[in-house]
């Protein structure tokens, strides 16, 4: 489901809250050129190159999937909001167990 940036962040917050009991949230980010059609075969007229690239962000929790497209002019604002969201919701991580190493005896 493609959402606007603010709607995506609010839905992502709900996903993080649900993931505390139901599983893990999987996130992907990739460069997006705005194409909705596949690239044509060799020998055919190629699609024009885009003037600017956008960022496609997807999140999934179990069978629920959401996505958004961030335009270059909105990157700073979205990144600030996304960073604050992560800081507030990444408190359920498990701590790593430290392995004890034996100190080498010096002679």
C-alpha atoms as a PDB file:
ATOM      1  CA  UNK A   1       0.000   0.000   0.000  1.00  0.00           C
ATOM      2  CA  UNK A   2       1.604   3.261  -1.135  1.00  0.00           C
ATOM      3  CA  UNK A   3       1.185   6.009   1.468  1.00  0.00           C
ATOM      4  CA  UNK A   4       2.156   9.649   1.828  1.00  0.00           C
ATOM      5  CA  UNK A   5       5.270  10.314   3.933  1.00  0.00           C
ATOM      6  CA  UNK A   6       3.421  11.360   7.121  1.00  0.00           C
ATOM      7  CA  UNK A   7       0.961   8.483   6.837  1.00  0.00           C
ATOM      8  CA  UNK A   8       3.829   6.069   6.316  1.00  0.00           C
ATOM      9  CA  UNK A   9       5.587   7.250   9.471  1.00  0.00           C
ATOM     10  CA  UNK A  10       2.447   6.971  11.590  1.00  0.00           C
ATOM     11  CA  UNK A  11       1.699   3.480  10.234  1.00  0.00           C
ATOM     12  CA  UNK A  12       5.334   2.498  10.810  1.00  0.00           C
ATOM     13  CA  UNK A  13       4.975   3.582  14.445  1.00  0.00           C
ATOM     14  CA  UNK A  14       1.994   1.236  14.788  1.00  0.00           C
ATOM     15  CA  UNK A  15       4.020  -1.559  13.183  1.00  0.00           C
ATOM     16  CA  UNK A  16       6.852  -1.079  15.683  1.00  0.00           C
ATOM     17  CA  UNK A  17       4.388  -1.226  18.586  1.00  0.00           C
ATOM     18  CA  UNK A  18       2.801  -4.409  17.183  1.00  0.00           C
ATOM     19  CA  UNK A  19       6.199  -5.985  16.579  1.00  0.00           C
ATOM     20  CA  UNK A  20       6.897  -6.102  20.303  1.00  0.00           C
ATOM     21  CA  UNK A  21       4.486  -9.029  20.555  1.00  0.00           C
ATOM     22  CA  UNK A  22       3.970 -10.317  17.007  1.00  0.00           C
ATOM     23  CA  UNK A  23       7.323 -10.470  15.221  1.00  0.00           C
ATOM     24  CA  UNK A  24       9.846  -8.263  13.431  1.00  0.00           C
ATOM     25  CA  UNK A  25       9.545  -5.286  11.096  1.00  0.00           C
ATOM     26  CA  UNK A  26      11.538  -5.597   7.875  1.00  0.00           C
ATOM     27  CA  UNK A  27      12.606  -2.371   6.141  1.00  0.00           C
ATOM     28  CA  UNK A  28      14.056  -1.839   2.663  1.00  0.00           C
ATOM     29  CA  UNK A  29      15.215   1.332   0.942  1.00  0.00           C
ATOM     30  CA  UNK A  30      16.169   1.683  -2.703  1.00  0.00           C
ATOM     31  CA  UNK A  31      16.618   4.229  -5.441  1.00  0.00           C
ATOM     32  CA  UNK A  32      13.452   4.731  -7.475  1.00  0.00           C
ATOM     33  CA  UNK A  33      13.281   6.421 -10.864  1.00  0.00           C
ATOM     34  CA  UNK A  34       9.497   6.688 -11.067  1.00  0.00           C
ATOM     35  CA  UNK A  35       9.015   4.031 -13.722  1.00  0.00           C
ATOM     36  CA  UNK A  36       5.880   1.949 -13.551  1.00  0.00           C
ATOM     37  CA  UNK A  37       6.549   0.009 -16.769  1.00  0.00           C
ATOM     38  CA  UNK A  38       9.272  -2.609 -17.322  1.00  0.00           C
ATOM     39  CA  UNK A  39      12.298  -1.708 -19.455  1.00  0.00           C
ATOM     40  CA  UNK A  40      11.774  -2.557 -23.140  1.00  0.00           C
ATOM     41  CA  UNK A  41      13.659  -5.332 -24.927  1.00  0.00           C
ATOM     42  CA  UNK A  42      16.821  -4.657 -26.923  1.00  0.00           C
ATOM     43  CA  UNK A  43      16.193  -3.006 -30.278  1.00  0.00           C
ATOM     44  CA  UNK A  44      13.074  -1.155 -29.136  1.00  0.00           C
ATOM     45  CA  UNK A  45      12.766   2.497 -28.255  1.00  0.00           C
ATOM     46  CA  UNK A  46      14.284   2.945 -24.748  1.00  0.00           C
ATOM     47  CA  UNK A  47      12.501   4.832 -22.001  1.00  0.00           C
ATOM     48  CA  UNK A  48      13.833   8.344 -21.301  1.00  0.00           C
ATOM     49  CA  UNK A  49      16.292   8.716 -18.419  1.00  0.00           C
ATOM     50  CA  UNK A  50      14.786  10.417 -15.343  1.00  0.00           C
ATOM     51  CA  UNK A  51      16.041  13.849 -14.367  1.00  0.00           C
ATOM     52  CA  UNK A  52      15.972  13.092 -10.637  1.00  0.00           C
ATOM     53  CA  UNK A  53      15.786   9.928  -8.565  1.00  0.00           C
ATOM     54  CA  UNK A  54      13.551   9.339  -5.581  1.00  0.00           C
ATOM     55  CA  UNK A  55      13.811   6.948  -2.635  1.00  0.00           C
ATOM     56  CA  UNK A  56      11.372   4.042  -2.285  1.00  0.00           C
ATOM     57  CA  UNK A  57      10.959   2.826   1.298  1.00  0.00           C
ATOM     58  CA  UNK A  58       9.076  -0.355   2.165  1.00  0.00           C
ATOM     59  CA  UNK A  59       8.182  -1.892   5.521  1.00  0.00           C
ATOM     60  CA  UNK A  60       6.504  -5.180   6.318  1.00  0.00           C
ATOM     61  CA  UNK A  61       5.263  -6.906   9.452  1.00  0.00           C
ATOM     62  CA  UNK A  62       3.960 -10.419   8.923  1.00  0.00           C
ATOM     63  CA  UNK A  63       1.458  -9.997   6.040  1.00  0.00           C
ATOM     64  CA  UNK A  64       1.018  -6.202   6.250  1.00  0.00           C
ATOM     65  CA  UNK A  65       3.115  -4.175   3.797  1.00  0.00           C
ATOM     66  CA  UNK A  66       3.418  -0.410   3.438  1.00  0.00           C
ATOM     67  CA  UNK A  67       5.578   1.808   1.246  1.00  0.00           C
ATOM     68  CA  UNK A  68       6.284   5.437   0.432  1.00  0.00           C
ATOM     69  CA  UNK A  69       8.242   7.450  -2.118  1.00  0.00           C
ATOM     70  CA  UNK A  70      10.411  10.299  -0.825  1.00  0.00           C
ATOM     71  CA  UNK A  71      11.177  13.091  -3.289  1.00  0.00           C
ATOM     72  CA  UNK A  72      14.635  14.739  -3.238  1.00  0.00           C
ATOM     73  CA  UNK A  73      13.285  18.033  -1.872  1.00  0.00           C
ATOM     74  CA  UNK A  74      11.665  16.253   1.094  1.00  0.00           C
ATOM     75  CA  UNK A  75      14.610  14.033   2.067  1.00  0.00           C
ATOM     76  CA  UNK A  76      15.906  16.160   4.967  1.00  0.00           C
ATOM     77  CA  UNK A  77      12.481  16.550   6.576  1.00  0.00           C
ATOM     78  CA  UNK A  78      11.634  12.858   6.162  1.00  0.00           C
ATOM     79  CA  UNK A  79      15.028  11.721   7.434  1.00  0.00           C
ATOM     80  CA  UNK A  80      14.669  13.822  10.605  1.00  0.00           C
ATOM     81  CA  UNK A  81      11.217  12.402  11.320  1.00  0.00           C
ATOM     82  CA  UNK A  82      12.361   8.839  10.515  1.00  0.00           C
ATOM     83  CA  UNK A  83      15.406   9.178  12.795  1.00  0.00           C
ATOM     84  CA  UNK A  84      13.222  10.375  15.700  1.00  0.00           C
ATOM     85  CA  UNK A  85      10.843   7.478  15.081  1.00  0.00           C
ATOM     86  CA  UNK A  86      13.685   4.947  15.202  1.00  0.00           C
ATOM     87  CA  UNK A  87      15.160   6.450  18.367  1.00  0.00           C
ATOM     88  CA  UNK A  88      11.827   6.147  20.121  1.00  0.00           C
ATOM     89  CA  UNK A  89      10.985   2.620  19.011  1.00  0.00           C
ATOM     90  CA  UNK A  90      14.219   0.648  18.962  1.00  0.00           C
ATOM     91  CA  UNK A  91      14.257  -0.083  22.665  1.00  0.00           C
ATOM     92  CA  UNK A  92      13.168  -3.726  22.362  1.00  0.00           C
ATOM     93  CA  UNK A  93      16.462  -5.011  20.984  1.00  0.00           C
ATOM     94  CA  UNK A  94      18.094  -7.948  22.712  1.00  0.00           C
ATOM     95  CA  UNK A  95      21.462  -7.366  24.338  1.00  0.00           C
ATOM     96  CA  UNK A  96      24.400  -9.287  22.957  1.00  0.00           C
ATOM     97  CA  UNK A  97      26.211 -11.636  25.293  1.00  0.00           C
ATOM     98  CA  UNK A  98      29.838 -10.741  25.707  1.00  0.00           C
ATOM     99  CA  UNK A  99      32.276 -13.599  25.515  1.00  0.00           C
ATOM    100  CA  UNK A 100      35.018 -13.645  28.101  1.00  0.00           C
ATOM    101  CA  UNK A 101      38.513 -13.966  26.726  1.00  0.00           C
ATOM    102  CA  UNK A 102      41.409 -15.374  28.660  1.00  0.00           C
ATOM    103  CA  UNK A 103      44.230 -12.943  29.206  1.00  0.00           C
ATOM    104  CA  UNK A 104      47.521 -14.148  27.766  1.00  0.00           C
ATOM    105  CA  UNK A 105      50.244 -14.580  30.320  1.00  0.00           C
ATOM    106  CA  UNK A 106      53.303 -12.536  29.462  1.00  0.00           C
ATOM    107  CA  UNK A 107      56.710 -13.963  30.259  1.00  0.00           C
END
